[in-house]
Structure formats: structure tokens, C-alpha cells
Amino acid sequence: MNNFTTDKNNNKIHATALIGNNVTLGKNNIIGPYCVIGYPGAIRNSDLKDGKVIIGNNNNFMSYIAVMIGEQGDTIIKNNNLIMNYVNIGHNVVIENNNEVGVGTILGGHCQIYNNTKIKLGCTIRTFVKIHNNSLIGMGSNVVKDVPPYQTVYGNPARCQ
């Protein structure tokens, strides 16, 4: 892989990636081209931008991904997640373990993605929505309310199928 450097924790970081001082990286992550991690999100009428981004181990951030810092709290991405191209991860989002977030997906602020979830291409997840364990969000869905465990949802607005 060209233009990648490897840090002391075996993270592979592309030369074009921008990683803020407010970011903590675990081990064995891949940060692809043109990722921006640790920039403040757009929070209307707020000067509080003191949060961090905490990234666990074995995550793969493909290219053109934005991960915003939290407002009075942190944005957290735990372990073994695949974040595909052109994904926006809003402030204070928590992504647990073993998830896939598809190309072009937008995660609004304060979302929580639990374990073993697949979010397919081009989805929009509204702020404060929780997507519980082992769920599948169909391509192009707009998710405006919480998704229970073991559910498949799709559509606009997304509904359980």
C-alpha cells in the first residue's frame, strides 16, 4: 500500500489523512486516503468543542471519511469495524464492535450503533437514533427512529420488514 506510514501501534495511516491531536488510536487500524478524524462537528449555537475521538483496534477506515469530535463527550469507534468510503460520522456517535458502515452513509450526532450491524450503501441515520445488535439497514434507507435487535429495516422512512 503506497503512501502509508505505520506508527508504534501498527496503525497504517495514509499520508493524506488528517488526524487531530484530540484523537486516540488503538492498534492495527487502517486510516485511508483523505480521511479527516478529530475535526469539530457543526453544532449550532455551541462553542463547546472539547470532546475527543477514541478509536479501538482493528478498524478499517477506507477513504474520504469524516469523524467529528464530540461536544461535552467523545465520539467512540470500538473494535473490528469496516467504515467504507465517503462516510460522515457525526459528533458523539458511538459505534460498538464488528459493524459495517456502507459507502456514502451519514450518521447524525449522538447515534449509537451496537454490535454486528450492517448499514448498507447511502443510508442516513438521524441524530440520537440507536441501531441495536445484529440489525441490517437496507441500501438508501433513512432511519428516523430506533431499530430493535435482529431486525432488517429499509425505506424512507425505514421500517421493520
N, C-alpha and C. Protein backbone atom coordinates (compact mmCIF):
# COMPACT_ATOMS: atom_id res chain seq x y z
N MET A 1 0.84 -1.17 0.00
CA MET A 1 0.00 0.00 0.00
C MET A 1 0.89 1.24 0.00
N ASN A 2 0.80 2.01 -1.05
CA ASN A 2 1.65 3.19 -1.20
C ASN A 2 1.18 4.33 -0.33
N ASN A 3 2.14 5.16 0.08
CA ASN A 3 1.89 6.39 0.84
C ASN A 3 1.31 6.15 2.23
N PHE A 4 1.50 4.99 2.79
CA PHE A 4 1.09 4.72 4.16
C PHE A 4 2.32 4.68 5.06
N THR A 5 2.15 5.19 6.27
CA THR A 5 3.18 5.02 7.29
C THR A 5 2.58 4.16 8.40
N THR A 6 3.44 3.54 9.17
CA THR A 6 2.99 2.68 10.27
C THR A 6 3.51 3.28 11.57
N ASP A 7 2.61 3.48 12.53
CA ASP A 7 3.03 4.06 13.81
C ASP A 7 3.43 2.96 14.79
N LYS A 8 3.71 3.34 16.03
CA LYS A 8 4.20 2.40 17.05
C LYS A 8 3.16 1.35 17.44
N ASN A 9 1.86 1.62 17.17
CA ASN A 9 0.80 0.65 17.48
C ASN A 9 0.35 -0.13 16.26
N ASN A 10 1.18 -0.11 15.23
CA ASN A 10 0.91 -0.83 13.99
C ASN A 10 -0.33 -0.30 13.25
N ASN A 11 -0.65 0.99 13.46
CA ASN A 11 -1.69 1.64 12.67
C ASN A 11 -1.08 2.08 11.35
N LYS A 12 -1.78 1.80 10.26
CA LYS A 12 -1.33 2.22 8.94
C LYS A 12 -2.13 3.46 8.55
N ILE A 13 -1.42 4.57 8.37
CA ILE A 13 -2.06 5.85 8.15
C ILE A 13 -1.58 6.43 6.83
N HIS A 14 -2.53 6.73 5.94
CA HIS A 14 -2.19 7.29 4.64
C HIS A 14 -1.64 8.71 4.81
N ALA A 15 -0.73 9.10 3.94
CA ALA A 15 -0.08 10.42 4.02
C ALA A 15 -1.07 11.57 3.91
N THR A 16 -2.21 11.37 3.26
CA THR A 16 -3.19 12.45 3.09
C THR A 16 -4.21 12.53 4.22
N ALA A 17 -4.19 11.59 5.14
CA ALA A 17 -5.14 11.59 6.26
C ALA A 17 -4.78 12.71 7.24
N LEU A 18 -5.82 13.35 7.78
CA LEU A 18 -5.64 14.39 8.78
C LEU A 18 -6.21 13.88 10.10
N ILE A 19 -5.35 13.74 11.09
CA ILE A 19 -5.77 13.20 12.39
C ILE A 19 -5.43 14.23 13.46
N GLY A 20 -6.47 14.69 14.16
CA GLY A 20 -6.29 15.74 15.16
C GLY A 20 -5.55 15.26 16.39
N ASN A 21 -5.10 16.23 17.17
CA ASN A 21 -4.42 15.94 18.45
C ASN A 21 -5.37 15.37 19.48
N ASN A 22 -6.66 15.47 19.22
CA ASN A 22 -7.70 15.00 20.14
C ASN A 22 -8.17 13.58 19.81
N VAL A 23 -7.37 12.86 19.05
CA VAL A 23 -7.73 11.51 18.62
C VAL A 23 -6.83 10.50 19.32
N THR A 24 -7.44 9.44 19.87
CA THR A 24 -6.70 8.33 20.45
C THR A 24 -6.92 7.11 19.57
N LEU A 25 -5.84 6.55 19.08
CA LEU A 25 -5.90 5.36 18.21
C LEU A 25 -5.41 4.14 18.97
N GLY A 26 -6.16 3.05 18.87
CA GLY A 26 -5.72 1.77 19.43
C GLY A 26 -4.65 1.15 18.54
N LYS A 27 -4.81 -0.14 18.26
CA LYS A 27 -3.81 -0.87 17.48
C LYS A 27 -4.41 -1.44 16.20
N ASN A 28 -3.54 -1.56 15.20
CA ASN A 28 -3.85 -2.26 13.94
C ASN A 28 -5.02 -1.66 13.16
N ASN A 29 -5.16 -0.35 13.21
CA ASN A 29 -6.17 0.33 12.41
C ASN A 29 -5.58 0.73 11.06
N ILE A 30 -6.43 0.87 10.07
CA ILE A 30 -6.03 1.39 8.77
C ILE A 30 -6.82 2.66 8.53
N ILE A 31 -6.11 3.76 8.31
CA ILE A 31 -6.73 5.06 8.03
C ILE A 31 -6.37 5.40 6.59
N GLY A 32 -7.37 5.37 5.71
CA GLY A 32 -7.13 5.52 4.28
C GLY A 32 -6.98 6.96 3.82
N PRO A 33 -6.86 7.13 2.49
CA PRO A 33 -6.64 8.44 1.91
C PRO A 33 -7.76 9.43 2.22
N TYR A 34 -7.36 10.66 2.51
CA TYR A 34 -8.24 11.80 2.68
C TYR A 34 -9.26 11.65 3.80
N CYS A 35 -8.95 10.86 4.80
CA CYS A 35 -9.80 10.80 5.99
C CYS A 35 -9.48 11.99 6.89
N VAL A 36 -10.52 12.55 7.51
CA VAL A 36 -10.36 13.64 8.47
C VAL A 36 -10.97 13.17 9.78
N ILE A 37 -10.14 12.99 10.78
CA ILE A 37 -10.59 12.43 12.05
C ILE A 37 -10.21 13.40 13.16
N GLY A 38 -11.24 13.85 13.91
CA GLY A 38 -10.99 14.72 15.04
C GLY A 38 -11.26 16.19 14.76
N TYR A 39 -12.09 16.49 13.78
CA TYR A 39 -12.47 17.87 13.49
C TYR A 39 -13.81 18.15 14.15
N PRO A 40 -14.05 19.39 14.60
CA PRO A 40 -15.34 19.69 15.23
C PRO A 40 -16.51 19.54 14.27
N GLY A 41 -17.61 19.00 14.77
CA GLY A 41 -18.83 18.92 14.00
C GLY A 41 -19.56 20.26 14.03
N ALA A 42 -20.54 20.39 13.17
CA ALA A 42 -21.34 21.61 13.13
C ALA A 42 -22.45 21.51 14.16
N ILE A 43 -22.30 22.20 15.25
CA ILE A 43 -23.28 22.17 16.32
C ILE A 43 -23.76 23.61 16.52
N ARG A 44 -24.97 23.88 16.12
CA ARG A 44 -25.50 25.24 16.15
C ARG A 44 -25.47 25.82 17.57
N ASN A 45 -25.04 27.08 17.66
CA ASN A 45 -25.02 27.84 18.91
C ASN A 45 -24.16 27.18 20.00
N SER A 46 -23.11 26.52 19.59
CA SER A 46 -22.25 25.88 20.58
C SER A 46 -20.79 26.25 20.34
N ASP A 47 -20.14 26.66 21.40
CA ASP A 47 -18.71 26.88 21.35
C ASP A 47 -17.96 25.72 22.00
N LEU A 48 -18.70 24.74 22.53
CA LEU A 48 -18.08 23.62 23.23
C LEU A 48 -17.63 22.58 22.21
N LYS A 49 -16.36 22.50 22.02
CA LYS A 49 -15.82 21.53 21.08
C LYS A 49 -14.59 20.88 21.70
N ASP A 50 -14.77 20.41 22.92
CA ASP A 50 -13.64 19.90 23.68
C ASP A 50 -13.60 18.37 23.74
N GLY A 51 -14.47 17.71 23.01
CA GLY A 51 -14.50 16.25 23.02
C GLY A 51 -13.33 15.64 22.28
N LYS A 52 -13.33 14.33 22.27
CA LYS A 52 -12.26 13.58 21.61
C LYS A 52 -12.87 12.56 20.67
N VAL A 53 -12.03 11.94 19.89
CA VAL A 53 -12.38 10.75 19.12
C VAL A 53 -11.51 9.63 19.68
N ILE A 54 -12.17 8.55 20.09
CA ILE A 54 -11.46 7.40 20.63
C ILE A 54 -11.73 6.22 19.71
N ILE A 55 -10.67 5.68 19.16
CA ILE A 55 -10.77 4.58 18.20
C ILE A 55 -10.06 3.37 18.79
N GLY A 56 -10.75 2.24 18.81
CA GLY A 56 -10.20 1.00 19.36
C GLY A 56 -9.23 0.33 18.41
N ASN A 57 -9.38 -0.98 18.25
CA ASN A 57 -8.43 -1.79 17.50
C ASN A 57 -9.06 -2.41 16.25
N ASN A 58 -8.22 -2.63 15.26
CA ASN A 58 -8.57 -3.41 14.07
C ASN A 58 -9.74 -2.82 13.27
N ASN A 59 -9.78 -1.51 13.16
CA ASN A 59 -10.79 -0.85 12.34
C ASN A 59 -10.19 -0.49 11.00
N ASN A 60 -11.04 -0.46 9.98
CA ASN A 60 -10.58 -0.09 8.64
C ASN A 60 -11.42 1.09 8.16
N PHE A 61 -10.78 2.24 8.04
CA PHE A 61 -11.40 3.45 7.50
C PHE A 61 -10.91 3.59 6.07
N MET A 62 -11.78 3.39 5.11
CA MET A 62 -11.36 3.37 3.70
C MET A 62 -10.86 4.76 3.26
N SER A 63 -11.62 5.53 2.49
CA SER A 63 -11.16 6.86 2.06
C SER A 63 -12.29 7.88 2.16
N TYR A 64 -11.89 9.15 2.28
CA TYR A 64 -12.83 10.28 2.34
C TYR A 64 -13.85 10.12 3.47
N ILE A 65 -13.37 9.82 4.65
CA ILE A 65 -14.24 9.63 5.81
C ILE A 65 -14.01 10.80 6.78
N ALA A 66 -15.11 11.32 7.32
CA ALA A 66 -15.01 12.37 8.33
C ALA A 66 -15.54 11.83 9.65
N VAL A 67 -14.76 12.00 10.71
CA VAL A 67 -15.17 11.60 12.06
C VAL A 67 -15.04 12.83 12.95
N MET A 68 -16.19 13.31 13.44
CA MET A 68 -16.23 14.56 14.20
C MET A 68 -16.00 14.31 15.69
N ILE A 69 -15.38 15.28 16.37
CA ILE A 69 -15.21 15.18 17.82
C ILE A 69 -16.55 15.41 18.49
N GLY A 70 -16.64 14.96 19.72
CA GLY A 70 -17.86 15.13 20.48
C GLY A 70 -17.98 16.52 21.08
N GLU A 71 -19.19 16.83 21.50
CA GLU A 71 -19.46 18.05 22.25
C GLU A 71 -19.76 17.62 23.67
N GLN A 72 -18.94 18.01 24.62
CA GLN A 72 -19.07 17.57 26.01
C GLN A 72 -19.18 16.06 26.10
N GLY A 73 -18.29 15.39 25.47
CA GLY A 73 -18.26 13.93 25.42
C GLY A 73 -17.46 13.52 24.21
N ASP A 74 -17.38 12.24 24.00
CA ASP A 74 -16.50 11.72 22.96
C ASP A 74 -17.26 11.01 21.85
N THR A 75 -16.63 10.95 20.71
CA THR A 75 -17.05 10.09 19.61
C THR A 75 -16.20 8.84 19.75
N ILE A 76 -16.85 7.67 19.75
CA ILE A 76 -16.15 6.42 20.06
C ILE A 76 -16.42 5.40 18.97
N ILE A 77 -15.35 4.82 18.46
CA ILE A 77 -15.45 3.72 17.50
C ILE A 77 -14.63 2.59 18.10
N LYS A 78 -15.31 1.52 18.48
CA LYS A 78 -14.64 0.46 19.23
C LYS A 78 -13.79 -0.43 18.31
N ASN A 79 -14.08 -1.70 18.16
CA ASN A 79 -13.17 -2.64 17.51
C ASN A 79 -13.79 -3.36 16.30
N ASN A 80 -12.92 -3.68 15.35
CA ASN A 80 -13.26 -4.56 14.22
C ASN A 80 -14.38 -4.01 13.35
N ASN A 81 -14.36 -2.72 13.07
CA ASN A 81 -15.37 -2.11 12.22
C ASN A 81 -14.81 -1.80 10.84
N LEU A 82 -15.66 -1.90 9.84
CA LEU A 82 -15.31 -1.51 8.48
C LEU A 82 -16.14 -0.28 8.14
N ILE A 83 -15.46 0.84 7.94
CA ILE A 83 -16.10 2.09 7.58
C ILE A 83 -15.71 2.36 6.13
N MET A 84 -16.68 2.26 5.23
CA MET A 84 -16.40 2.36 3.80
C MET A 84 -16.30 3.82 3.36
N ASN A 85 -15.99 4.04 2.09
CA ASN A 85 -15.72 5.37 1.52
C ASN A 85 -16.87 6.35 1.73
N TYR A 86 -16.50 7.62 1.86
CA TYR A 86 -17.44 8.75 1.90
C TYR A 86 -18.46 8.67 3.04
N VAL A 87 -18.05 8.21 4.19
CA VAL A 87 -18.93 8.13 5.35
C VAL A 87 -18.68 9.35 6.24
N ASN A 88 -19.76 9.92 6.78
CA ASN A 88 -19.67 11.01 7.75
C ASN A 88 -20.16 10.49 9.10
N ILE A 89 -19.30 10.55 10.09
CA ILE A 89 -19.63 10.12 11.45
C ILE A 89 -19.71 11.37 12.30
N GLY A 90 -20.93 11.73 12.71
CA GLY A 90 -21.17 12.96 13.45
C GLY A 90 -20.63 12.93 14.87
N HIS A 91 -20.75 14.08 15.52
CA HIS A 91 -20.25 14.24 16.89
C HIS A 91 -21.00 13.32 17.86
N ASN A 92 -20.27 12.81 18.83
CA ASN A 92 -20.81 11.99 19.92
C ASN A 92 -21.42 10.67 19.46
N VAL A 93 -21.07 10.20 18.28
CA VAL A 93 -21.53 8.90 17.81
C VAL A 93 -20.74 7.82 18.54
N VAL A 94 -21.41 6.69 18.82
CA VAL A 94 -20.72 5.51 19.36
C VAL A 94 -20.99 4.36 18.40
N ILE A 95 -19.91 3.77 17.91
CA ILE A 95 -20.00 2.57 17.07
C ILE A 95 -19.32 1.46 17.84
N GLU A 96 -20.10 0.46 18.21
CA GLU A 96 -19.58 -0.65 19.02
C GLU A 96 -18.66 -1.54 18.17
N ASN A 97 -18.83 -2.86 18.20
CA ASN A 97 -17.89 -3.81 17.58
C ASN A 97 -18.48 -4.56 16.40
N ASN A 98 -17.60 -4.88 15.45
CA ASN A 98 -17.92 -5.79 14.33
C ASN A 98 -19.05 -5.28 13.43
N ASN A 99 -19.00 -4.00 13.08
CA ASN A 99 -20.02 -3.39 12.24
C ASN A 99 -19.47 -3.06 10.87
N GLU A 100 -20.37 -2.91 9.90
CA GLU A 100 -20.04 -2.41 8.57
C GLU A 100 -20.90 -1.19 8.32
N VAL A 101 -20.25 -0.09 7.91
CA VAL A 101 -20.97 1.12 7.55
C VAL A 101 -20.68 1.38 6.08
N GLY A 102 -21.75 1.33 5.25
CA GLY A 102 -21.61 1.36 3.81
C GLY A 102 -21.26 2.72 3.23
N VAL A 103 -20.81 2.67 2.00
CA VAL A 103 -20.40 3.85 1.23
C VAL A 103 -21.48 4.92 1.27
N GLY A 104 -21.07 6.17 1.53
CA GLY A 104 -21.97 7.31 1.46
C GLY A 104 -22.95 7.43 2.59
N THR A 105 -22.74 6.75 3.68
CA THR A 105 -23.66 6.80 4.82
C THR A 105 -23.36 8.02 5.69
N ILE A 106 -24.42 8.59 6.26
CA ILE A 106 -24.30 9.72 7.18
C ILE A 106 -24.88 9.30 8.52
N LEU A 107 -24.06 9.39 9.56
CA LEU A 107 -24.51 9.11 10.92
C LEU A 107 -24.62 10.44 11.66
N GLY A 108 -25.85 10.86 11.97
CA GLY A 108 -26.06 12.11 12.69
C GLY A 108 -25.51 12.03 14.10
N GLY A 109 -25.34 13.16 14.72
CA GLY A 109 -24.77 13.23 16.06
C GLY A 109 -25.52 12.38 17.07
N HIS A 110 -24.78 11.85 18.02
CA HIS A 110 -25.30 11.08 19.15
C HIS A 110 -25.93 9.75 18.75
N CYS A 111 -25.73 9.26 17.53
CA CYS A 111 -26.22 7.93 17.16
C CYS A 111 -25.43 6.87 17.93
N GLN A 112 -26.05 5.73 18.11
CA GLN A 112 -25.34 4.60 18.67
C GLN A 112 -25.60 3.39 17.80
N ILE A 113 -24.52 2.77 17.35
CA ILE A 113 -24.59 1.57 16.52
C ILE A 113 -24.03 0.44 17.39
N TYR A 114 -24.89 -0.50 17.74
CA TYR A 114 -24.47 -1.59 18.61
C TYR A 114 -23.68 -2.63 17.80
N ASN A 115 -23.56 -3.84 18.25
CA ASN A 115 -22.66 -4.85 17.67
C ASN A 115 -23.26 -5.59 16.47
N ASN A 116 -22.38 -5.99 15.56
CA ASN A 116 -22.71 -6.89 14.45
C ASN A 116 -23.82 -6.35 13.56
N THR A 117 -23.78 -5.07 13.28
CA THR A 117 -24.79 -4.42 12.44
C THR A 117 -24.20 -4.10 11.08
N LYS A 118 -25.04 -4.19 10.05
CA LYS A 118 -24.64 -3.81 8.70
C LYS A 118 -25.53 -2.68 8.23
N ILE A 119 -24.90 -1.58 7.89
CA ILE A 119 -25.59 -0.44 7.32
C ILE A 119 -25.14 -0.37 5.87
N LYS A 120 -26.05 -0.57 4.96
CA LYS A 120 -25.70 -0.66 3.54
C LYS A 120 -25.50 0.72 2.91
N LEU A 121 -25.29 0.75 1.62
CA LEU A 121 -24.92 1.96 0.89
C LEU A 121 -25.90 3.11 1.05
N GLY A 122 -25.38 4.29 1.22
CA GLY A 122 -26.14 5.52 1.13
C GLY A 122 -27.25 5.71 2.14
N CYS A 123 -27.07 5.27 3.34
CA CYS A 123 -28.10 5.44 4.38
C CYS A 123 -27.88 6.75 5.14
N THR A 124 -28.97 7.26 5.69
CA THR A 124 -28.91 8.42 6.56
C THR A 124 -29.54 8.03 7.88
N ILE A 125 -28.78 8.18 8.95
CA ILE A 125 -29.26 7.83 10.28
C ILE A 125 -29.41 9.14 11.07
N ARG A 126 -30.61 9.41 11.51
CA ARG A 126 -30.94 10.66 12.20
C ARG A 126 -30.23 10.74 13.55
N THR A 127 -30.05 11.96 14.04
CA THR A 127 -29.42 12.17 15.34
C THR A 127 -30.18 11.41 16.44
N PHE A 128 -29.44 10.93 17.41
CA PHE A 128 -29.93 10.25 18.60
C PHE A 128 -30.56 8.87 18.33
N VAL A 129 -30.48 8.35 17.12
CA VAL A 129 -31.06 7.03 16.81
C VAL A 129 -30.11 5.94 17.30
N LYS A 130 -30.70 4.85 17.82
CA LYS A 130 -29.94 3.67 18.25
C LYS A 130 -30.29 2.51 17.33
N ILE A 131 -29.24 1.89 16.80
CA ILE A 131 -29.42 0.70 15.97
C ILE A 131 -28.84 -0.46 16.77
N HIS A 132 -29.71 -1.35 17.21
CA HIS A 132 -29.32 -2.40 18.14
C HIS A 132 -28.65 -3.59 17.44
N ASN A 133 -28.16 -4.52 18.24
CA ASN A 133 -27.34 -5.66 17.79
C ASN A 133 -27.96 -6.41 16.62
N ASN A 134 -27.07 -6.84 15.72
CA ASN A 134 -27.40 -7.78 14.65
C ASN A 134 -28.51 -7.27 13.73
N SER A 135 -28.55 -5.98 13.49
CA SER A 135 -29.54 -5.40 12.59
C SER A 135 -28.94 -5.17 11.21
N LEU A 136 -29.82 -5.04 10.23
CA LEU A 136 -29.43 -4.75 8.85
C LEU A 136 -30.25 -3.56 8.38
N ILE A 137 -29.56 -2.53 7.91
CA ILE A 137 -30.21 -1.35 7.37
C ILE A 137 -30.03 -1.40 5.85
N GLY A 138 -31.14 -1.49 5.13
CA GLY A 138 -31.10 -1.63 3.68
C GLY A 138 -30.60 -0.39 2.97
N MET A 139 -30.07 -0.61 1.77
CA MET A 139 -29.48 0.44 0.96
C MET A 139 -30.42 1.63 0.78
N GLY A 140 -29.88 2.83 0.97
CA GLY A 140 -30.61 4.06 0.73
C GLY A 140 -31.65 4.41 1.77
N SER A 141 -31.66 3.74 2.89
CA SER A 141 -32.69 3.97 3.91
C SER A 141 -32.43 5.25 4.70
N ASN A 142 -33.53 5.85 5.14
CA ASN A 142 -33.48 6.97 6.07
C ASN A 142 -34.06 6.49 7.38
N VAL A 143 -33.20 6.36 8.37
CA VAL A 143 -33.60 5.80 9.66
C VAL A 143 -33.86 6.96 10.62
N VAL A 144 -35.12 7.07 11.07
CA VAL A 144 -35.51 8.20 11.91
C VAL A 144 -35.93 7.78 13.32
N LYS A 145 -35.96 6.47 13.58
CA LYS A 145 -36.24 6.00 14.94
C LYS A 145 -35.43 4.75 15.22
N ASP A 146 -35.35 4.41 16.50
CA ASP A 146 -34.52 3.29 16.93
C ASP A 146 -34.89 1.99 16.22
N VAL A 147 -33.87 1.15 15.99
CA VAL A 147 -34.06 -0.15 15.35
C VAL A 147 -33.81 -1.23 16.40
N PRO A 148 -34.81 -2.10 16.65
CA PRO A 148 -34.64 -3.17 17.64
C PRO A 148 -33.59 -4.19 17.18
N PRO A 149 -33.12 -5.05 18.10
CA PRO A 149 -32.15 -6.08 17.73
C PRO A 149 -32.73 -7.06 16.69
N TYR A 150 -31.85 -7.61 15.89
CA TYR A 150 -32.17 -8.67 14.93
C TYR A 150 -33.23 -8.25 13.91
N GLN A 151 -33.23 -6.99 13.50
CA GLN A 151 -34.24 -6.52 12.55
C GLN A 151 -33.59 -6.11 11.23
N THR A 152 -34.34 -6.25 10.16
CA THR A 152 -33.99 -5.68 8.87
C THR A 152 -34.94 -4.53 8.63
N VAL A 153 -34.40 -3.36 8.34
CA VAL A 153 -35.23 -2.21 8.03
C VAL A 153 -34.75 -1.60 6.71
N TYR A 154 -35.71 -1.04 5.97
CA TYR A 154 -35.35 -0.29 4.77
C TYR A 154 -36.50 0.62 4.38
N GLY A 155 -36.16 1.58 3.52
CA GLY A 155 -37.15 2.51 3.03
C GLY A 155 -36.95 3.91 3.54
N ASN A 156 -37.93 4.78 3.19
CA ASN A 156 -37.89 6.18 3.57
C ASN A 156 -39.28 6.62 3.99
N PRO A 157 -39.52 6.68 5.31
CA PRO A 157 -38.61 6.30 6.39
C PRO A 157 -38.45 4.79 6.50
N ALA A 158 -37.34 4.37 7.08
CA ALA A 158 -37.08 2.93 7.23
C ALA A 158 -38.08 2.29 8.18
N ARG A 159 -38.52 1.10 7.80
CA ARG A 159 -39.48 0.34 8.63
C ARG A 159 -38.98 -1.10 8.76
N CYS A 160 -39.35 -1.73 9.87
CA CYS A 160 -39.02 -3.15 10.07
C CYS A 160 -39.75 -3.97 9.03
N GLN A 161 -39.07 -4.99 8.51
CA GLN A 161 -39.66 -5.84 7.47
C GLN A 161 -39.93 -7.22 8.00
